[in-house]
Amino acid sequence: MRVLSSLKTAKTRHPGCKIVRRKGRVYVINKTNPRYKVRQG
């Protein structure tokens, strides 16, 4: 999992990426390809 300051490029990398908020942090997760995981905050 990578930690980024901006998630704009991370969410457009793959069509299955979704933005999820958990415990004050913003995550980009992908169910179809779990390689694309990003965290912000």
PDB file of N, CA and C in Angstrom:
ATOM      1  N   MET A   1       0.840  -1.181   0.000  1.00  0.00           N
ATOM      2  CA  MET A   1       0.000   0.000   0.000  1.00  0.00           C
ATOM      3  C   MET A   1       0.881   1.239   0.000  1.00  0.00           C
ATOM      4  N   ARG A   2       0.554   2.176  -0.882  1.00  0.00           N
ATOM      5  CA  ARG A   2       1.322   3.413  -0.967  1.00  0.00           C
ATOM      6  C   ARG A   2       0.574   4.524  -0.245  1.00  0.00           C
ATOM      7  N   VAL A   3       1.314   5.456   0.298  1.00  0.00           N
ATOM      8  CA  VAL A   3       0.734   6.631   0.951  1.00  0.00           C
ATOM      9  C   VAL A   3       1.024   7.827   0.064  1.00  0.00           C
ATOM     10  N   LEU A   4      -0.048   8.491  -0.387  1.00  0.00           N
ATOM     11  CA  LEU A   4       0.088   9.603  -1.313  1.00  0.00           C
ATOM     12  C   LEU A   4      -0.526  10.861  -0.720  1.00  0.00           C
ATOM     13  N   SER A   5      -0.055  12.012  -1.203  1.00  0.00           N
ATOM     14  CA  SER A   5      -0.647  13.272  -0.764  1.00  0.00           C
ATOM     15  C   SER A   5      -1.886  13.615  -1.581  1.00  0.00           C
ATOM     16  N   SER A   6      -1.987  13.075  -2.779  1.00  0.00           N
ATOM     17  CA  SER A   6      -3.159  13.311  -3.622  1.00  0.00           C
ATOM     18  C   SER A   6      -3.587  11.989  -4.245  1.00  0.00           C
ATOM     19  N   LEU A   7      -4.889  11.736  -4.224  1.00  0.00           N
ATOM     20  CA  LEU A   7      -5.407  10.464  -4.741  1.00  0.00           C
ATOM     21  C   LEU A   7      -5.983  10.604  -6.148  1.00  0.00           C
ATOM     22  N   LYS A   8      -5.788  11.751  -6.770  1.00  0.00           N
ATOM     23  CA  LYS A   8      -6.400  11.977  -8.083  1.00  0.00           C
ATOM     24  C   LYS A   8      -5.886  11.005  -9.132  1.00  0.00           C
ATOM     25  N   THR A   9      -4.582  10.769  -9.167  1.00  0.00           N
ATOM     26  CA  THR A   9      -4.051   9.842 -10.171  1.00  0.00           C
ATOM     27  C   THR A   9      -4.326   8.396  -9.785  1.00  0.00           C
ATOM     28  N   ALA A  10      -4.438   8.124  -8.489  1.00  0.00           N
ATOM     29  CA  ALA A  10      -4.622   6.739  -8.047  1.00  0.00           C
ATOM     30  C   ALA A  10      -5.998   6.203  -8.408  1.00  0.00           C
ATOM     31  N   LYS A  11      -7.019   7.054  -8.352  1.00  0.00           N
ATOM     32  CA  LYS A  11      -8.364   6.548  -8.625  1.00  0.00           C
ATOM     33  C   LYS A  11      -8.645   6.374 -10.103  1.00  0.00           C
ATOM     34  N   THR A  12      -7.841   7.002 -10.953  1.00  0.00           N
ATOM     35  CA  THR A  12      -8.072   6.879 -12.400  1.00  0.00           C
ATOM     36  C   THR A  12      -7.165   5.838 -13.043  1.00  0.00           C
ATOM     37  N   ARG A  13      -6.380   5.123 -12.246  1.00  0.00           N
ATOM     38  CA  ARG A  13      -5.463   4.147 -12.822  1.00  0.00           C
ATOM     39  C   ARG A  13      -6.167   2.901 -13.345  1.00  0.00           C
ATOM     40  N   HIS A  14      -7.291   2.552 -12.745  1.00  0.00           N
ATOM     41  CA  HIS A  14      -7.984   1.317 -13.096  1.00  0.00           C
ATOM     42  C   HIS A  14      -9.478   1.579 -12.979  1.00  0.00           C
ATOM     43  N   PRO A  15     -10.302   0.997 -13.838  1.00  0.00           N
ATOM     44  CA  PRO A  15     -11.749   1.284 -13.758  1.00  0.00           C
ATOM     45  C   PRO A  15     -12.433   0.761 -12.503  1.00  0.00           C
ATOM     46  N   GLY A  16     -11.825  -0.185 -11.793  1.00  0.00           N
ATOM     47  CA  GLY A  16     -12.481  -0.743 -10.608  1.00  0.00           C
ATOM     48  C   GLY A  16     -12.121  -0.063  -9.306  1.00  0.00           C
ATOM     49  N   CYS A  17     -11.390   1.054  -9.358  1.00  0.00           N
ATOM     50  CA  CYS A  17     -10.945   1.717  -8.132  1.00  0.00           C
ATOM     51  C   CYS A  17     -12.075   2.498  -7.493  1.00  0.00           C
ATOM     52  N   LYS A  18     -12.172   2.407  -6.159  1.00  0.00           N
ATOM     53  CA  LYS A  18     -13.176   3.140  -5.398  1.00  0.00           C
ATOM     54  C   LYS A  18     -12.510   3.869  -4.257  1.00  0.00           C
ATOM     55  N   ILE A  19     -13.089   5.014  -3.886  1.00  0.00           N
ATOM     56  CA  ILE A  19     -12.581   5.788  -2.754  1.00  0.00           C
ATOM     57  C   ILE A  19     -13.431   5.464  -1.531  1.00  0.00           C
ATOM     58  N   VAL A  20     -12.776   5.102  -0.426  1.00  0.00           N
ATOM     59  CA  VAL A  20     -13.452   4.711   0.808  1.00  0.00           C
ATOM     60  C   VAL A  20     -12.838   5.504   1.958  1.00  0.00           C
ATOM     61  N   ARG A  21     -13.693   5.995   2.868  1.00  0.00           N
ATOM     62  CA  ARG A  21     -13.205   6.690   4.064  1.00  0.00           C
ATOM     63  C   ARG A  21     -13.337   5.762   5.261  1.00  0.00           C
ATOM     64  N   ARG A  22     -12.214   5.531   5.957  1.00  0.00           N
ATOM     65  CA  ARG A  22     -12.232   4.678   7.144  1.00  0.00           C
ATOM     66  C   ARG A  22     -11.383   5.320   8.228  1.00  0.00           C
ATOM     67  N   LYS A  23     -11.990   5.575   9.373  1.00  0.00           N
ATOM     68  CA  LYS A  23     -11.281   6.083  10.558  1.00  0.00           C
ATOM     69  C   LYS A  23     -10.492   7.348  10.258  1.00  0.00           C
ATOM     70  N   GLY A  24     -11.085   8.260   9.510  1.00  0.00           N
ATOM     71  CA  GLY A  24     -10.425   9.520   9.210  1.00  0.00           C
ATOM     72  C   GLY A  24      -9.389   9.453   8.114  1.00  0.00           C
ATOM     73  N   ARG A  25      -9.198   8.306   7.511  1.00  0.00           N
ATOM     74  CA  ARG A  25      -8.243   8.162   6.413  1.00  0.00           C
ATOM     75  C   ARG A  25      -8.993   7.859   5.130  1.00  0.00           C
ATOM     76  N   VAL A  26      -8.416   8.257   4.028  1.00  0.00           N
ATOM     77  CA  VAL A  26      -9.035   8.031   2.725  1.00  0.00           C
ATOM     78  C   VAL A  26      -8.245   6.942   2.019  1.00  0.00           C
ATOM     79  N   TYR A  27      -8.944   5.933   1.548  1.00  0.00           N
ATOM     80  CA  TYR A  27      -8.315   4.802   0.874  1.00  0.00           C
ATOM     81  C   TYR A  27      -8.842   4.690  -0.543  1.00  0.00           C
ATOM     82  N   VAL A  28      -7.998   4.213  -1.442  1.00  0.00           N
ATOM     83  CA  VAL A  28      -8.445   3.771  -2.763  1.00  0.00           C
ATOM     84  C   VAL A  28      -8.263   2.263  -2.786  1.00  0.00           C
ATOM     85  N   ILE A  29      -9.375   1.539  -2.948  1.00  0.00           N
ATOM     86  CA  ILE A  29      -9.322   0.080  -2.967  1.00  0.00           C
ATOM     87  C   ILE A  29      -9.867  -0.410  -4.302  1.00  0.00           C
ATOM     88  N   ASN A  30      -9.489  -1.633  -4.644  1.00  0.00           N
ATOM     89  CA  ASN A  30      -9.929  -2.223  -5.901  1.00  0.00           C
ATOM     90  C   ASN A  30     -10.184  -3.703  -5.653  1.00  0.00           C
ATOM     91  N   LYS A  31     -11.440  -4.115  -5.832  1.00  0.00           N
ATOM     92  CA  LYS A  31     -11.790  -5.514  -5.587  1.00  0.00           C
ATOM     93  C   LYS A  31     -11.301  -6.427  -6.714  1.00  0.00           C
ATOM     94  N   THR A  32     -11.327  -5.921  -7.954  1.00  0.00           N
ATOM     95  CA  THR A  32     -10.961  -6.787  -9.079  1.00  0.00           C
ATOM     96  C   THR A  32      -9.454  -6.977  -9.173  1.00  0.00           C
ATOM     97  N   ASN A  33      -8.692  -5.934  -8.842  1.00  0.00           N
ATOM     98  CA  ASN A  33      -7.231  -6.041  -8.879  1.00  0.00           C
ATOM     99  C   ASN A  33      -6.690  -5.471  -7.567  1.00  0.00           C
ATOM    100  N   PRO A  34      -6.447  -6.295  -6.544  1.00  0.00           N
ATOM    101  CA  PRO A  34      -6.068  -5.788  -5.217  1.00  0.00           C
ATOM    102  C   PRO A  34      -4.706  -5.134  -5.175  1.00  0.00           C
ATOM    103  N   ARG A  35      -3.994  -5.088  -6.281  1.00  0.00           N
ATOM    104  CA  ARG A  35      -2.683  -4.434  -6.300  1.00  0.00           C
ATOM    105  C   ARG A  35      -2.801  -2.923  -6.124  1.00  0.00           C
ATOM    106  N   TYR A  36      -3.926  -2.338  -6.541  1.00  0.00           N
ATOM    107  CA  TYR A  36      -4.092  -0.896  -6.494  1.00  0.00           C
ATOM    108  C   TYR A  36      -4.665  -0.502  -5.128  1.00  0.00           C
ATOM    109  N   LYS A  37      -3.782  -0.329  -4.141  1.00  0.00           N
ATOM    110  CA  LYS A  37      -4.216   0.114  -2.822  1.00  0.00           C
ATOM    111  C   LYS A  37      -3.432   1.367  -2.470  1.00  0.00           C
ATOM    112  N   VAL A  38      -4.150   2.429  -2.093  1.00  0.00           N
ATOM    113  CA  VAL A  38      -3.505   3.686  -1.747  1.00  0.00           C
ATOM    114  C   VAL A  38      -4.176   4.244  -0.511  1.00  0.00           C
ATOM    115  N   ARG A  39      -3.387   4.907   0.332  1.00  0.00           N
ATOM    116  CA  ARG A  39      -3.914   5.534   1.530  1.00  0.00           C
ATOM    117  C   ARG A  39      -3.503   6.990   1.553  1.00  0.00           C
ATOM    118  N   GLN A  40      -4.382   7.843   2.079  1.00  0.00           N
ATOM    119  CA  GLN A  40      -4.062   9.257   2.266  1.00  0.00           C
ATOM    120  C   GLN A  40      -4.440   9.655   3.681  1.00  0.00           C
ATOM    121  N   GLY A  41      -3.548  10.386   4.363  1.00  0.00           N
ATOM    122  CA  GLY A  41      -3.831  10.872   5.713  1.00  0.00           C
ATOM    123  C   GLY A  41      -3.339   9.959   6.798  1.00  0.00           C
TER     124      GLY A  41
END
